[in-house]
């Protein structure tokens, strides 16, 4: 039982610093968005902005988890090949891209619902 509890820490400690930073920031933002959206699955909320959605909003979270996993793999691969400087530069790219993606989804849903 004790070794199973160490597994997430072992995984985290095995990541390079840029990947660790990216994972922490991404999971914090994901948890914040999930907290805002868990009570109403037919509405997508980001901060003070919200709109209706045709599908369950948990679909968005599944894609966000996939997005995080892919970037984590890329950052770790770069570090393991000796390109940690590039990994540090790229660590900002997915964070900015995630906010752009959230904004685009929100704008598209708001246009669809004539809220914009």
PDB file of N, CA and C in Angstrom:
ATOM      1  N   UNK A   1       0.827  -1.195   0.000  1.00  0.00           N
ATOM      2  CA  UNK A   1       0.000   0.000   0.000  1.00  0.00           C
ATOM      3  C   UNK A   1       0.869   1.256   0.000  1.00  0.00           C
ATOM      4  N   UNK A   2       1.933   1.225   0.802  1.00  0.00           N
ATOM      5  CA  UNK A   2       2.793   2.395   0.902  1.00  0.00           C
ATOM      6  C   UNK A   2       3.513   2.671  -0.418  1.00  0.00           C
ATOM      7  N   UNK A   3       3.892   1.610  -1.132  1.00  0.00           N
ATOM      8  CA  UNK A   3       4.601   1.803  -2.404  1.00  0.00           C
ATOM      9  C   UNK A   3       3.678   2.390  -3.473  1.00  0.00           C
ATOM     10  N   UNK A   4       2.375   2.092  -3.409  1.00  0.00           N
ATOM     11  CA  UNK A   4       1.426   2.668  -4.362  1.00  0.00           C
ATOM     12  C   UNK A   4       1.277   4.169  -4.140  1.00  0.00           C
ATOM     13  N   UNK A   5       1.394   4.600  -2.897  1.00  0.00           N
ATOM     14  CA  UNK A   5       1.284   6.026  -2.600  1.00  0.00           C
ATOM     15  C   UNK A   5       2.511   6.781  -3.103  1.00  0.00           C
ATOM     16  N   UNK A   6       3.654   6.113  -3.172  1.00  0.00           N
ATOM     17  CA  UNK A   6       4.881   6.756  -3.632  1.00  0.00           C
ATOM     18  C   UNK A   6       4.933   6.873  -5.148  1.00  0.00           C
ATOM     19  N   UNK A   7       4.101   6.117  -5.856  1.00  0.00           N
ATOM     20  CA  UNK A   7       4.142   6.091  -7.314  1.00  0.00           C
ATOM     21  C   UNK A   7       3.936   7.464  -7.952  1.00  0.00           C
ATOM     22  N   UNK A   8       2.920   8.254  -7.546  1.00  0.00           N
ATOM     23  CA  UNK A   8       2.783   9.583  -8.167  1.00  0.00           C
ATOM     24  C   UNK A   8       3.994  10.481  -7.896  1.00  0.00           C
ATOM     25  N   UNK A   9       4.566  10.388  -6.697  1.00  0.00           N
ATOM     26  CA  UNK A   9       5.730  11.208  -6.372  1.00  0.00           C
ATOM     27  C   UNK A   9       6.950  10.758  -7.162  1.00  0.00           C
ATOM     28  N   UNK A  10       7.072   9.455  -7.349  1.00  0.00           N
ATOM     29  CA  UNK A  10       8.183   8.926  -8.138  1.00  0.00           C
ATOM     30  C   UNK A  10       8.059   9.397  -9.591  1.00  0.00           C
ATOM     31  N   UNK A  11       6.844   9.363 -10.121  1.00  0.00           N
ATOM     32  CA  UNK A  11       6.605   9.848 -11.482  1.00  0.00           C
ATOM     33  C   UNK A  11       6.951  11.327 -11.585  1.00  0.00           C
ATOM     34  N   UNK A  12       6.458  12.124 -10.633  1.00  0.00           N
ATOM     35  CA  UNK A  12       6.693  13.568 -10.657  1.00  0.00           C
ATOM     36  C   UNK A  12       8.183  13.885 -10.539  1.00  0.00           C
ATOM     37  N   UNK A  13       8.861  13.225  -9.612  1.00  0.00           N
ATOM     38  CA  UNK A  13      10.290  13.472  -9.419  1.00  0.00           C
ATOM     39  C   UNK A  13      11.122  13.006 -10.602  1.00  0.00           C
ATOM     40  N   UNK A  14      10.599  12.105 -11.414  1.00  0.00           N
ATOM     41  CA  UNK A  14      11.299  11.637 -12.601  1.00  0.00           C
ATOM     42  C   UNK A  14      11.195  12.597 -13.777  1.00  0.00           C
ATOM     43  N   UNK A  15      10.337  13.594 -13.650  1.00  0.00           N
ATOM     44  CA  UNK A  15      10.182  14.586 -14.720  1.00  0.00           C
ATOM     45  C   UNK A  15      11.243  15.671 -14.590  1.00  0.00           C
ATOM     46  N   UNK A  16      11.614  16.276 -15.716  1.00  0.00           N
ATOM     47  CA  UNK A  16      12.539  17.410 -15.679  1.00  0.00           C
ATOM     48  C   UNK A  16      11.790  18.634 -15.142  1.00  0.00           C
ATOM     49  N   UNK A  17      12.534  19.659 -14.744  1.00  0.00           N
ATOM     50  CA  UNK A  17      11.938  20.847 -14.119  1.00  0.00           C
ATOM     51  C   UNK A  17      10.882  21.534 -14.994  1.00  0.00           C
ATOM     52  N   UNK A  18      11.118  21.731 -16.306  1.00  0.00           N
ATOM     53  CA  UNK A  18      10.063  22.358 -17.114  1.00  0.00           C
ATOM     54  C   UNK A  18       8.780  21.524 -17.155  1.00  0.00           C
ATOM     55  N   UNK A  19       8.922  20.207 -17.236  1.00  0.00           N
ATOM     56  CA  UNK A  19       7.750  19.326 -17.260  1.00  0.00           C
ATOM     57  C   UNK A  19       7.030  19.351 -15.912  1.00  0.00           C
ATOM     58  N   UNK A  20       7.792  19.407 -14.822  1.00  0.00           N
ATOM     59  CA  UNK A  20       7.180  19.503 -13.498  1.00  0.00           C
ATOM     60  C   UNK A  20       6.370  20.789 -13.360  1.00  0.00           C
ATOM     61  N   UNK A  21       6.970  21.905 -13.768  1.00  0.00           N
ATOM     62  CA  UNK A  21       6.274  23.188 -13.688  1.00  0.00           C
ATOM     63  C   UNK A  21       5.008  23.167 -14.533  1.00  0.00           C
ATOM     64  N   UNK A  22       5.124  22.652 -15.748  1.00  0.00           N
ATOM     65  CA  UNK A  22       3.967  22.585 -16.636  1.00  0.00           C
ATOM     66  C   UNK A  22       2.860  21.721 -16.028  1.00  0.00           C
ATOM     67  N   UNK A  23       3.229  20.574 -15.461  1.00  0.00           N
ATOM     68  CA  UNK A  23       2.235  19.679 -14.874  1.00  0.00           C
ATOM     69  C   UNK A  23       1.513  20.346 -13.703  1.00  0.00           C
ATOM     70  N   UNK A  24       2.251  21.002 -12.829  1.00  0.00           N
ATOM     71  CA  UNK A  24       1.637  21.660 -11.670  1.00  0.00           C
ATOM     72  C   UNK A  24       0.675  22.758 -12.118  1.00  0.00           C
ATOM     73  N   UNK A  25       1.131  23.625 -13.013  1.00  0.00           N
ATOM     74  CA  UNK A  25       0.282  24.726 -13.486  1.00  0.00           C
ATOM     75  C   UNK A  25      -0.949  24.191 -14.214  1.00  0.00           C
ATOM     76  N   UNK A  26      -0.752  23.186 -15.052  1.00  0.00           N
ATOM     77  CA  UNK A  26      -1.869  22.629 -15.823  1.00  0.00           C
ATOM     78  C   UNK A  26      -2.899  21.961 -14.926  1.00  0.00           C
ATOM     79  N   UNK A  27      -2.436  21.185 -13.946  1.00  0.00           N
ATOM     80  CA  UNK A  27      -3.379  20.514 -13.056  1.00  0.00           C
ATOM     81  C   UNK A  27      -4.125  21.510 -12.174  1.00  0.00           C
ATOM     82  N   UNK A  28      -3.441  22.561 -11.730  1.00  0.00           N
ATOM     83  CA  UNK A  28      -4.129  23.593 -10.940  1.00  0.00           C
ATOM     84  C   UNK A  28      -5.211  24.286 -11.761  1.00  0.00           C
ATOM     85  N   UNK A  29      -4.888  24.626 -12.994  1.00  0.00           N
ATOM     86  CA  UNK A  29      -5.897  25.286 -13.835  1.00  0.00           C
ATOM     87  C   UNK A  29      -7.038  24.331 -14.169  1.00  0.00           C
ATOM     88  N   UNK A  30      -6.717  23.064 -14.415  1.00  0.00           N
ATOM     89  CA  UNK A  30      -7.746  22.070 -14.715  1.00  0.00           C
ATOM     90  C   UNK A  30      -8.675  21.869 -13.517  1.00  0.00           C
ATOM     91  N   UNK A  31      -8.102  21.773 -12.328  1.00  0.00           N
ATOM     92  CA  UNK A  31      -8.918  21.604 -11.123  1.00  0.00           C
ATOM     93  C   UNK A  31      -9.799  22.826 -10.867  1.00  0.00           C
ATOM     94  N   UNK A  32      -9.266  24.012 -11.114  1.00  0.00           N
ATOM     95  CA  UNK A  32     -10.053  25.235 -10.944  1.00  0.00           C
ATOM     96  C   UNK A  32     -11.236  25.257 -11.904  1.00  0.00           C
ATOM     97  N   UNK A  33     -10.978  24.938 -13.164  1.00  0.00           N
ATOM     98  CA  UNK A  33     -12.064  24.901 -14.151  1.00  0.00           C
ATOM     99  C   UNK A  33     -13.077  23.808 -13.815  1.00  0.00           C
ATOM    100  N   UNK A  34     -12.589  22.654 -13.362  1.00  0.00           N
ATOM    101  CA  UNK A  34     -13.499  21.566 -13.002  1.00  0.00           C
ATOM    102  C   UNK A  34     -14.394  21.986 -11.841  1.00  0.00           C
ATOM    103  N   UNK A  35     -13.818  22.654 -10.858  1.00  0.00           N
ATOM    104  CA  UNK A  35     -14.590  23.124  -9.706  1.00  0.00           C
ATOM    105  C   UNK A  35     -15.701  24.075 -10.147  1.00  0.00           C
ATOM    106  N   UNK A  36     -15.400  24.931 -11.123  1.00  0.00           N
ATOM    107  CA  UNK A  36     -16.407  25.872 -11.616  1.00  0.00           C
ATOM    108  C   UNK A  36     -17.500  25.174 -12.417  1.00  0.00           C
ATOM    109  N   UNK A  37     -17.220  24.021 -12.995  1.00  0.00           N
ATOM    110  CA  UNK A  37     -18.129  23.407 -13.959  1.00  0.00           C
ATOM    111  C   UNK A  37     -18.794  22.112 -13.503  1.00  0.00           C
ATOM    112  N   UNK A  38     -18.424  21.567 -12.349  1.00  0.00           N
ATOM    113  CA  UNK A  38     -18.938  20.245 -11.993  1.00  0.00           C
ATOM    114  C   UNK A  38     -20.425  20.223 -11.661  1.00  0.00           C
ATOM    115  N   UNK A  39     -20.990  21.338 -11.221  1.00  0.00           N
ATOM    116  CA  UNK A  39     -22.384  21.315 -10.767  1.00  0.00           C
ATOM    117  C   UNK A  39     -23.407  21.320 -11.903  1.00  0.00           C
ATOM    118  N   UNK A  40     -23.039  21.859 -13.065  1.00  0.00           N
ATOM    119  CA  UNK A  40     -23.982  21.915 -14.181  1.00  0.00           C
ATOM    120  C   UNK A  40     -23.289  21.423 -15.451  1.00  0.00           C
ATOM    121  N   UNK A  41     -23.519  20.163 -15.829  1.00  0.00           N
ATOM    122  CA  UNK A  41     -22.806  19.588 -16.978  1.00  0.00           C
ATOM    123  C   UNK A  41     -23.220  20.148 -18.334  1.00  0.00           C
ATOM    124  N   UNK A  42     -24.291  20.921 -18.402  1.00  0.00           N
ATOM    125  CA  UNK A  42     -24.735  21.483 -19.684  1.00  0.00           C
ATOM    126  C   UNK A  42     -24.318  22.948 -19.846  1.00  0.00           C
ATOM    127  N   UNK A  43     -23.452  23.407 -18.949  1.00  0.00           N
ATOM    128  CA  UNK A  43     -22.960  24.780 -19.008  1.00  0.00           C
ATOM    129  C   UNK A  43     -21.439  24.738 -18.879  1.00  0.00           C
ATOM    130  N   UNK A  44     -20.749  25.597 -19.632  1.00  0.00           N
ATOM    131  CA  UNK A  44     -19.294  25.690 -19.547  1.00  0.00           C
ATOM    132  C   UNK A  44     -18.951  27.067 -19.006  1.00  0.00           C
ATOM    133  N   UNK A  45     -18.231  27.100 -17.905  1.00  0.00           N
ATOM    134  CA  UNK A  45     -17.936  28.341 -17.205  1.00  0.00           C
ATOM    135  C   UNK A  45     -16.430  28.525 -17.086  1.00  0.00           C
ATOM    136  N   UNK A  46     -15.969  29.746 -17.390  1.00  0.00           N
ATOM    137  CA  UNK A  46     -14.567  30.123 -17.217  1.00  0.00           C
ATOM    138  C   UNK A  46     -14.568  31.474 -16.518  1.00  0.00           C
ATOM    139  N   UNK A  47     -14.255  31.460 -15.231  1.00  0.00           N
ATOM    140  CA  UNK A  47     -14.299  32.704 -14.465  1.00  0.00           C
ATOM    141  C   UNK A  47     -15.717  33.232 -14.411  1.00  0.00           C
ATOM    142  N   UNK A  48     -15.900  34.482 -14.841  1.00  0.00           N
ATOM    143  CA  UNK A  48     -17.236  35.091 -14.814  1.00  0.00           C
ATOM    144  C   UNK A  48     -18.029  34.808 -16.086  1.00  0.00           C
ATOM    145  N   UNK A  49     -17.390  34.197 -17.068  1.00  0.00           N
ATOM    146  CA  UNK A  49     -18.052  33.907 -18.340  1.00  0.00           C
ATOM    147  C   UNK A  49     -18.624  32.500 -18.322  1.00  0.00           C
ATOM    148  N   UNK A  50     -19.836  32.364 -18.851  1.00  0.00           N
ATOM    149  CA  UNK A  50     -20.438  31.037 -18.949  1.00  0.00           C
ATOM    150  C   UNK A  50     -21.359  30.990 -20.157  1.00  0.00           C
ATOM    151  N   UNK A  51     -21.540  29.776 -20.657  1.00  0.00           N
ATOM    152  CA  UNK A  51     -22.428  29.572 -21.795  1.00  0.00           C
ATOM    153  C   UNK A  51     -22.949  28.143 -21.769  1.00  0.00           C
ATOM    154  N   UNK A  52     -24.045  27.923 -22.474  1.00  0.00           N
ATOM    155  CA  UNK A  52     -24.630  26.587 -22.581  1.00  0.00           C
ATOM    156  C   UNK A  52     -23.819  25.759 -23.567  1.00  0.00           C
ATOM    157  N   UNK A  53     -23.868  24.445 -23.386  1.00  0.00           N
ATOM    158  CA  UNK A  53     -23.185  23.537 -24.299  1.00  0.00           C
ATOM    159  C   UNK A  53     -24.094  22.355 -24.618  1.00  0.00           C
ATOM    160  N   UNK A  54     -23.975  21.834 -25.830  1.00  0.00           N
ATOM    161  CA  UNK A  54     -24.816  20.707 -26.248  1.00  0.00           C
ATOM    162  C   UNK A  54     -24.375  19.394 -25.614  1.00  0.00           C
ATOM    163  N   UNK A  55     -23.081  19.266 -25.365  1.00  0.00           N
ATOM    164  CA  UNK A  55     -22.575  18.022 -24.778  1.00  0.00           C
ATOM    165  C   UNK A  55     -22.234  18.260 -23.307  1.00  0.00           C
ATOM    166  N   UNK A  56     -21.992  17.181 -22.599  1.00  0.00           N
ATOM    167  CA  UNK A  56     -21.582  17.271 -21.213  1.00  0.00           C
ATOM    168  C   UNK A  56     -20.236  17.985 -21.159  1.00  0.00           C
ATOM    169  N   UNK A  57     -20.084  18.939 -20.257  1.00  0.00           N
ATOM    170  CA  UNK A  57     -18.847  19.713 -20.218  1.00  0.00           C
ATOM    171  C   UNK A  57     -17.632  18.877 -19.804  1.00  0.00           C
ATOM    172  N   UNK A  58     -17.847  17.684 -19.318  1.00  0.00           N
ATOM    173  CA  UNK A  58     -16.726  16.812 -18.965  1.00  0.00           C
ATOM    174  C   UNK A  58     -15.960  16.338 -20.200  1.00  0.00           C
ATOM    175  N   UNK A  59     -16.602  16.418 -21.361  1.00  0.00           N
ATOM    176  CA  UNK A  59     -15.919  16.104 -22.623  1.00  0.00           C
ATOM    177  C   UNK A  59     -14.751  17.062 -22.816  1.00  0.00           C
ATOM    178  N   UNK A  60     -14.959  18.328 -22.488  1.00  0.00           N
ATOM    179  CA  UNK A  60     -13.886  19.314 -22.603  1.00  0.00           C
ATOM    180  C   UNK A  60     -12.714  18.949 -21.697  1.00  0.00           C
ATOM    181  N   UNK A  61     -13.023  18.430 -20.514  1.00  0.00           N
ATOM    182  CA  UNK A  61     -11.967  18.067 -19.569  1.00  0.00           C
ATOM    183  C   UNK A  61     -11.192  16.837 -20.032  1.00  0.00           C
ATOM    184  N   UNK A  62     -11.856  15.921 -20.693  1.00  0.00           N
ATOM    185  CA  UNK A  62     -11.154  14.758 -21.242  1.00  0.00           C
ATOM    186  C   UNK A  62     -10.134  15.204 -22.285  1.00  0.00           C
ATOM    187  N   UNK A  63     -10.543  16.131 -23.151  1.00  0.00           N
ATOM    188  CA  UNK A  63      -9.611  16.641 -24.160  1.00  0.00           C
ATOM    189  C   UNK A  63      -8.488  17.455 -23.522  1.00  0.00           C
ATOM    190  N   UNK A  64      -8.785  18.178 -22.463  1.00  0.00           N
ATOM    191  CA  UNK A  64      -7.741  18.945 -21.778  1.00  0.00           C
ATOM    192  C   UNK A  64      -6.724  18.015 -21.127  1.00  0.00           C
ATOM    193  N   UNK A  65      -7.182  16.908 -20.555  1.00  0.00           N
ATOM    194  CA  UNK A  65      -6.253  15.933 -19.976  1.00  0.00           C
ATOM    195  C   UNK A  65      -5.355  15.323 -21.049  1.00  0.00           C
ATOM    196  N   UNK A  66      -5.927  15.015 -22.191  1.00  0.00           N
ATOM    197  CA  UNK A  66      -5.136  14.492 -23.306  1.00  0.00           C
ATOM    198  C   UNK A  66      -4.105  15.525 -23.757  1.00  0.00           C
ATOM    199  N   UNK A  67      -4.515  16.764 -23.863  1.00  0.00           N
ATOM    200  CA  UNK A  67      -3.637  17.871 -24.245  1.00  0.00           C
ATOM    201  C   UNK A  67      -2.461  17.989 -23.268  1.00  0.00           C
ATOM    202  N   UNK A  68      -2.750  17.922 -21.975  1.00  0.00           N
ATOM    203  CA  UNK A  68      -1.711  18.007 -20.948  1.00  0.00           C
ATOM    204  C   UNK A  68      -0.742  16.839 -21.074  1.00  0.00           C
ATOM    205  N   UNK A  69      -1.257  15.635 -21.259  1.00  0.00           N
ATOM    206  CA  UNK A  69      -0.405  14.445 -21.371  1.00  0.00           C
ATOM    207  C   UNK A  69       0.526  14.530 -22.578  1.00  0.00           C
ATOM    208  N   UNK A  70       0.018  14.999 -23.698  1.00  0.00           N
ATOM    209  CA  UNK A  70       0.845  15.113 -24.911  1.00  0.00           C
ATOM    210  C   UNK A  70       1.967  16.123 -24.700  1.00  0.00           C
ATOM    211  N   UNK A  71       1.651  17.285 -24.157  1.00  0.00           N
ATOM    212  CA  UNK A  71       2.694  18.289 -23.923  1.00  0.00           C
ATOM    213  C   UNK A  71       3.695  17.823 -22.881  1.00  0.00           C
ATOM    214  N   UNK A  72       3.234  17.115 -21.866  1.00  0.00           N
ATOM    215  CA  UNK A  72       4.135  16.587 -20.846  1.00  0.00           C
ATOM    216  C   UNK A  72       5.133  15.618 -21.476  1.00  0.00           C
ATOM    217  N   UNK A  73       4.651  14.751 -22.349  1.00  0.00           N
ATOM    218  CA  UNK A  73       5.516  13.803 -23.054  1.00  0.00           C
ATOM    219  C   UNK A  73       6.556  14.547 -23.897  1.00  0.00           C
ATOM    220  N   UNK A  74       6.121  15.564 -24.635  1.00  0.00           N
ATOM    221  CA  UNK A  74       7.030  16.330 -25.502  1.00  0.00           C
ATOM    222  C   UNK A  74       8.105  17.033 -24.671  1.00  0.00           C
ATOM    223  N   UNK A  75       7.704  17.693 -23.594  1.00  0.00           N
ATOM    224  CA  UNK A  75       8.665  18.402 -22.752  1.00  0.00           C
ATOM    225  C   UNK A  75       9.688  17.449 -22.144  1.00  0.00           C
ATOM    226  N   UNK A  76       9.222  16.315 -21.656  1.00  0.00           N
ATOM    227  CA  UNK A  76      10.122  15.334 -21.042  1.00  0.00           C
ATOM    228  C   UNK A  76      11.075  14.749 -22.078  1.00  0.00           C
ATOM    229  N   UNK A  77      10.583  14.483 -23.272  1.00  0.00           N
ATOM    230  CA  UNK A  77      11.421  13.931 -24.343  1.00  0.00           C
ATOM    231  C   UNK A  77      12.527  14.919 -24.712  1.00  0.00           C
ATOM    232  N   UNK A  78      12.181  16.195 -24.828  1.00  0.00           N
ATOM    233  CA  UNK A  78      13.184  17.220 -25.132  1.00  0.00           C
ATOM    234  C   UNK A  78      14.266  17.275 -24.053  1.00  0.00           C
ATOM    235  N   UNK A  79      13.860  17.242 -22.800  1.00  0.00           N
ATOM    236  CA  UNK A  79      14.835  17.266 -21.705  1.00  0.00           C
ATOM    237  C   UNK A  79      15.749  16.047 -21.755  1.00  0.00           C
ATOM    238  N   UNK A  80      15.172  14.889 -22.005  1.00  0.00           N
ATOM    239  CA  UNK A  80      15.975  13.661 -22.022  1.00  0.00           C
ATOM    240  C   UNK A  80      16.962  13.631 -23.183  1.00  0.00           C
ATOM    241  N   UNK A  81      16.693  14.394 -24.240  1.00  0.00           N
ATOM    242  CA  UNK A  81      17.608  14.475 -25.390  1.00  0.00           C
ATOM    243  C   UNK A  81      18.595  15.637 -25.251  1.00  0.00           C
ATOM    244  N   UNK A  82      18.539  16.364 -24.129  1.00  0.00           N
ATOM    245  CA  UNK A  82      19.487  17.447 -23.890  1.00  0.00           C
ATOM    246  C   UNK A  82      19.014  18.823 -24.319  1.00  0.00           C
ATOM    247  N   UNK A  83      17.757  18.955 -24.665  1.00  0.00           N
ATOM    248  CA  UNK A  83      17.207  20.239 -25.116  1.00  0.00           C
ATOM    249  C   UNK A  83      16.348  20.889 -24.029  1.00  0.00           C
ATOM    250  N   UNK A  84      16.885  20.986 -22.829  1.00  0.00           N
ATOM    251  CA  UNK A  84      16.088  21.533 -21.727  1.00  0.00           C
ATOM    252  C   UNK A  84      15.785  23.020 -21.915  1.00  0.00           C
ATOM    253  N   UNK A  85      16.668  23.761 -22.582  1.00  0.00           N
ATOM    254  CA  UNK A  85      16.391  25.177 -22.843  1.00  0.00           C
ATOM    255  C   UNK A  85      15.160  25.327 -23.731  1.00  0.00           C
ATOM    256  N   UNK A  86      15.077  24.504 -24.757  1.00  0.00           N
ATOM    257  CA  UNK A  86      13.899  24.532 -25.631  1.00  0.00           C
ATOM    258  C   UNK A  86      12.661  24.112 -24.844  1.00  0.00           C
ATOM    259  N   UNK A  87      12.825  23.147 -23.959  1.00  0.00           N
ATOM    260  CA  UNK A  87      11.710  22.698 -23.130  1.00  0.00           C
ATOM    261  C   UNK A  87      11.209  23.834 -22.240  1.00  0.00           C
ATOM    262  N   UNK A  88      12.133  24.612 -21.673  1.00  0.00           N
ATOM    263  CA  UNK A  88      11.736  25.759 -20.853  1.00  0.00           C
ATOM    264  C   UNK A  88      10.982  26.790 -21.685  1.00  0.00           C
ATOM    265  N   UNK A  89      11.445  27.031 -22.900  1.00  0.00           N
ATOM    266  CA  UNK A  89      10.753  27.989 -23.776  1.00  0.00           C
ATOM    267  C   UNK A  89       9.355  27.472 -24.106  1.00  0.00           C
ATOM    268  N   UNK A  90       9.285  26.198 -24.428  1.00  0.00           N
ATOM    269  CA  UNK A  90       7.998  25.611 -24.814  1.00  0.00           C
ATOM    270  C   UNK A  90       7.014  25.479 -23.656  1.00  0.00           C
ATOM    271  N   UNK A  91       7.518  25.529 -22.435  1.00  0.00           N
ATOM    272  CA  UNK A  91       6.612  25.371 -21.298  1.00  0.00           C
ATOM    273  C   UNK A  91       5.593  26.514 -21.257  1.00  0.00           C
ATOM    274  N   UNK A  92       5.960  27.658 -21.803  1.00  0.00           N
ATOM    275  CA  UNK A  92       5.009  28.770 -21.855  1.00  0.00           C
ATOM    276  C   UNK A  92       4.004  28.617 -22.989  1.00  0.00           C
ATOM    277  N   UNK A  93       4.407  27.980 -24.067  1.00  0.00           N
ATOM    278  CA  UNK A  93       3.533  27.838 -25.232  1.00  0.00           C
ATOM    279  C   UNK A  93       2.223  27.108 -24.918  1.00  0.00           C
ATOM    280  N   UNK A  94       2.250  25.940 -24.272  1.00  0.00           N
ATOM    281  CA  UNK A  94       0.970  25.262 -24.011  1.00  0.00           C
ATOM    282  C   UNK A  94       0.079  26.005 -23.025  1.00  0.00           C
ATOM    283  N   UNK A  95       0.678  26.749 -22.113  1.00  0.00           N
ATOM    284  CA  UNK A  95      -0.128  27.511 -21.159  1.00  0.00           C
ATOM    285  C   UNK A  95      -0.883  28.614 -21.896  1.00  0.00           C
ATOM    286  N   UNK A  96      -0.174  29.342 -22.738  1.00  0.00           N
ATOM    287  CA  UNK A  96      -0.812  30.384 -23.545  1.00  0.00           C
ATOM    288  C   UNK A  96      -1.839  29.756 -24.486  1.00  0.00           C
ATOM    289  N   UNK A  97      -1.466  28.633 -25.116  1.00  0.00           N
ATOM    290  CA  UNK A  97      -2.374  27.958 -26.048  1.00  0.00           C
ATOM    291  C   UNK A  97      -3.635  27.464 -25.338  1.00  0.00           C
ATOM    292  N   UNK A  98      -3.491  26.989 -24.100  1.00  0.00           N
ATOM    293  CA  UNK A  98      -4.654  26.499 -23.365  1.00  0.00           C
ATOM    294  C   UNK A  98      -5.645  27.638 -23.116  1.00  0.00           C
ATOM    295  N   UNK A  99      -5.135  28.808 -22.744  1.00  0.00           N
ATOM    296  CA  UNK A  99      -6.030  29.941 -22.516  1.00  0.00           C
ATOM    297  C   UNK A  99      -6.663  30.412 -23.817  1.00  0.00           C
ATOM    298  N   UNK A 100      -5.912  30.371 -24.904  1.00  0.00           N
ATOM    299  CA  UNK A 100      -6.483  30.721 -26.212  1.00  0.00           C
ATOM    300  C   UNK A 100      -7.576  29.725 -26.580  1.00  0.00           C
ATOM    301  N   UNK A 101      -7.312  28.431 -26.367  1.00  0.00           N
ATOM    302  CA  UNK A 101      -8.290  27.388 -26.675  1.00  0.00           C
ATOM    303  C   UNK A 101      -9.555  27.552 -25.834  1.00  0.00           C
ATOM    304  N   UNK A 102      -9.381  27.820 -24.549  1.00  0.00           N
ATOM    305  CA  UNK A 102     -10.537  28.043 -23.680  1.00  0.00           C
ATOM    306  C   UNK A 102     -11.347  29.233 -24.185  1.00  0.00           C
ATOM    307  N   UNK A 103     -10.653  30.307 -24.540  1.00  0.00           N
ATOM    308  CA  UNK A 103     -11.330  31.493 -25.063  1.00  0.00           C
ATOM    309  C   UNK A 103     -12.064  31.217 -26.356  1.00  0.00           C
ATOM    310  N   UNK A 104     -11.434  30.468 -27.271  1.00  0.00           N
ATOM    311  CA  UNK A 104     -12.075  30.144 -28.545  1.00  0.00           C
ATOM    312  C   UNK A 104     -13.314  29.275 -28.351  1.00  0.00           C
ATOM    313  N   UNK A 105     -13.219  28.305 -27.454  1.00  0.00           N
ATOM    314  CA  UNK A 105     -14.380  27.449 -27.165  1.00  0.00           C
ATOM    315  C   UNK A 105     -15.513  28.300 -26.598  1.00  0.00           C
ATOM    316  N   UNK A 106     -15.167  29.163 -25.670  1.00  0.00           N
ATOM    317  CA  UNK A 106     -16.175  30.016 -25.055  1.00  0.00           C
ATOM    318  C   UNK A 106     -16.813  30.949 -26.077  1.00  0.00           C
ATOM    319  N   UNK A 107     -16.012  31.567 -26.934  1.00  0.00           N
ATOM    320  CA  UNK A 107     -16.542  32.462 -27.970  1.00  0.00           C
ATOM    321  C   UNK A 107     -17.442  31.698 -28.935  1.00  0.00           C
ATOM    322  N   UNK A 108     -16.998  30.505 -29.368  1.00  0.00           N
ATOM    323  CA  UNK A 108     -17.802  29.707 -30.297  1.00  0.00           C
ATOM    324  C   UNK A 108     -19.143  29.327 -29.678  1.00  0.00           C
ATOM    325  N   UNK A 109     -19.133  28.909 -28.417  1.00  0.00           N
ATOM    326  CA  UNK A 109     -20.378  28.533 -27.750  1.00  0.00           C
ATOM    327  C   UNK A 109     -21.273  29.749 -27.521  1.00  0.00           C
ATOM    328  N   UNK A 110     -20.669  30.884 -27.196  1.00  0.00           N
ATOM    329  CA  UNK A 110     -21.459  32.099 -26.976  1.00  0.00           C
ATOM    330  C   UNK A 110     -22.083  32.588 -28.287  1.00  0.00           C
ATOM    331  N   UNK A 111     -21.355  32.493 -29.398  1.00  0.00           N
ATOM    332  CA  UNK A 111     -21.920  32.868 -30.700  1.00  0.00           C
ATOM    333  C   UNK A 111     -23.079  31.950 -31.058  1.00  0.00           C
ATOM    334  N   UNK A 112     -22.894  30.653 -30.793  1.00  0.00           N
ATOM    335  CA  UNK A 112     -23.937  29.673 -31.101  1.00  0.00           C
ATOM    336  C   UNK A 112     -25.216  29.971 -30.320  1.00  0.00           C
ATOM    337  N   UNK A 113     -25.061  30.454 -29.107  1.00  0.00           N
ATOM    338  CA  UNK A 113     -26.210  30.746 -28.247  1.00  0.00           C
ATOM    339  C   UNK A 113     -26.622  32.214 -28.302  1.00  0.00           C
ATOM    340  N   UNK A 114     -26.121  32.942 -29.293  1.00  0.00           N
ATOM    341  CA  UNK A 114     -26.442  34.368 -29.489  1.00  0.00           C
ATOM    342  C   UNK A 114     -26.184  35.207 -28.240  1.00  0.00           C
ATOM    343  N   UNK A 115     -25.096  34.913 -27.561  1.00  0.00           N
ATOM    344  CA  UNK A 115     -24.720  35.680 -26.379  1.00  0.00           C
ATOM    345  C   UNK A 115     -23.594  36.662 -26.686  1.00  0.00           C
ATOM    346  N   UNK A 116     -23.156  36.689 -27.916  1.00  0.00           N
ATOM    347  CA  UNK A 116     -22.036  37.546 -28.284  1.00  0.00           C
ATOM    348  C   UNK A 116     -22.401  38.433 -29.444  1.00  0.00           C
TER     349      UNK A 116
END
